[in-house]
Protein backbone atom coordinates (compact mmCIF):
# COMPACT_ATOMS: atom_id res chain seq x y z
CA MET A 1 90.51 70.66 102.07
CA PHE A 2 89.75 73.71 104.13
CA SER A 3 92.53 73.21 106.69
CA ARG A 4 95.16 72.98 103.90
CA SER A 5 93.77 76.12 102.19
CA PHE A 6 93.64 77.96 105.48
CA GLN A 7 97.22 76.88 106.27
CA ARG A 8 98.48 77.98 102.92
CA PHE A 9 96.68 81.29 103.22
CA THR A 10 97.99 82.10 106.67
CA ASP A 11 101.52 80.75 106.25
CA LEU A 12 103.36 84.19 105.98
CA ASP A 13 106.73 82.54 105.72
CA LYS A 14 106.21 81.31 102.29
CA ILE A 15 105.13 84.40 100.31
CA ASP A 16 105.92 84.12 96.58
CA LEU A 17 105.29 87.68 95.08
CA SER A 18 104.67 88.05 91.39
CA ALA A 19 104.47 91.31 89.34
CA ILE A 20 101.00 91.37 87.84
CA GLU A 21 98.60 93.69 86.03
CA LEU A 22 95.64 93.91 88.40
CA LYS A 23 92.95 95.11 85.93
CA ASP A 24 93.62 92.19 83.65
CA PHE A 25 93.69 89.77 86.78
CA ILE A 26 90.26 91.09 87.98
CA ARG A 27 88.68 90.76 84.50
CA LYS A 28 90.00 87.24 84.21
CA PHE A 29 89.13 86.21 87.84
CA ILE A 30 85.41 87.31 87.67
CA PRO A 31 84.17 84.59 85.24
CA ARG A 32 85.73 81.86 87.44
CA ILE A 33 83.38 82.68 90.41
CA ASN A 34 80.26 80.61 90.78
CA LEU A 35 77.44 82.96 91.68
CA LEU A 36 73.82 82.44 92.74
CA ASP A 37 71.11 83.39 90.07
CA GLY A 38 70.41 87.05 90.33
CA ILE A 39 73.76 88.15 91.61
CA ASN A 40 76.23 89.90 89.28
CA ILE A 41 79.72 91.21 89.72
CA LYS A 42 80.61 94.51 88.20
CA PRO A 43 84.30 95.47 87.85
CA ILE A 44 85.07 99.15 88.37
CA VAL A 45 88.72 99.60 87.29
CA LEU A 46 91.02 102.39 86.30
CA ASP A 47 91.66 103.15 82.62
CA ASN A 48 95.32 102.77 82.95
CA PRO A 49 97.19 99.65 83.62
CA VAL A 50 97.71 98.89 87.36
CA HIS A 51 100.82 96.82 88.24
CA ALA A 52 101.45 95.44 91.68
CA LYS A 53 103.57 92.74 93.39
CA CYS A 54 101.29 90.10 95.08
CA GLU A 55 100.68 86.45 95.57
CA LEU A 56 98.02 85.50 93.13
CA LEU A 57 96.79 82.43 95.21
CA ARG A 58 96.21 84.59 98.34
CA LEU A 59 94.78 87.53 96.38
CA GLY A 60 92.32 85.20 94.65
CA GLU A 61 91.29 83.55 98.01
CA GLY A 62 90.93 86.81 99.73
CA LEU A 63 88.68 88.06 96.85
CA ILE A 64 86.66 84.94 96.85
CA ASN A 65 86.10 85.31 100.61
CA LEU A 66 85.04 88.95 100.38
CA ILE A 67 82.71 88.29 97.38
CA ASN A 68 81.16 85.30 99.24
CA ASN A 69 80.44 87.67 102.30
CA SER A 70 78.86 90.25 99.87
CA VAL A 71 76.78 87.65 98.32
CA GLU A 72 75.50 86.33 101.67
CA ALA A 73 74.61 90.06 102.65
CA ILE A 74 72.53 90.50 99.59
CA SER A 75 68.91 89.37 99.78
CA GLY A 76 67.75 87.81 96.54
CA SER A 77 69.27 89.49 93.69
CA GLY A 78 71.92 92.35 93.52
CA GLU A 79 75.19 93.43 92.36
CA VAL A 80 78.71 93.06 93.89
CA MET A 81 81.31 95.63 92.83
CA ILE A 82 85.00 95.03 92.72
CA ARG A 83 86.60 98.53 92.64
CA LEU A 84 90.21 98.96 91.66
CA SER A 85 91.65 102.46 92.45
CA ASP A 86 94.69 104.48 93.25
CA HIS A 87 95.14 104.88 97.03
CA PRO A 88 93.97 108.39 97.82
CA ARG A 89 97.11 109.42 99.80
CA ASP A 90 99.79 107.26 98.33
CA ARG A 91 99.97 106.91 94.61
CA SER A 92 102.45 103.96 94.99
CA LEU A 93 99.62 101.83 96.32
CA VAL A 94 96.38 100.69 94.91
CA MET A 95 93.19 99.62 96.53
CA ILE A 96 90.83 96.70 95.80
CA ALA A 97 87.47 97.15 97.39
CA VAL A 98 84.61 94.62 97.31
CA GLU A 99 81.17 96.51 97.66
CA ASP A 100 77.54 95.42 97.90
CA LYS A 101 74.28 96.91 98.91
CA GLY A 102 73.61 94.40 101.59
CA ASP A 103 72.36 95.38 104.98
CA ILE A 104 74.30 95.06 108.26
CA LYS A 105 72.12 95.24 111.28
CA PRO A 106 73.36 97.81 113.85
CA LYS A 107 73.83 95.18 116.55
CA HIS A 108 76.55 93.53 114.12
CA LEU A 109 78.56 96.57 113.38
CA GLN A 110 80.83 96.07 116.47
CA ASP A 111 81.82 92.58 115.22
CA ILE A 112 82.30 93.16 111.45
CA TRP A 113 86.17 93.41 111.72
CA LYS A 114 86.52 90.21 113.82
CA PRO A 115 88.11 87.22 111.92
CA PHE A 116 85.54 84.78 110.63
CA PHE A 117 82.54 86.90 111.65
CA THR A 118 79.57 86.53 109.42
CA THR A 119 75.95 87.80 109.58
């Protein structure tokens, strides 16, 4: 199961882009995530519709991975925020950020951008 999912996620030759409204996607996506008790997801989205071309499957898998990392970083209860915003320098781009109030020990900071690193 994991190997098929990983292969699909990393197979860059087979990208199928669809035009979607991201705010609607995020609001429909959040209820599908199984969270631990005490963990909440808070969407922070723009007022206006945000359209983008993306591959829904990869976007969903990427968000789930980021949310799982956030949940692992939170001790006990807390909140994971999914922030949808305009790119600060290029209005033709949007940003999706997953944020939490978890704690990263200083010894791990050098490794956080390595693929598959987890604390």
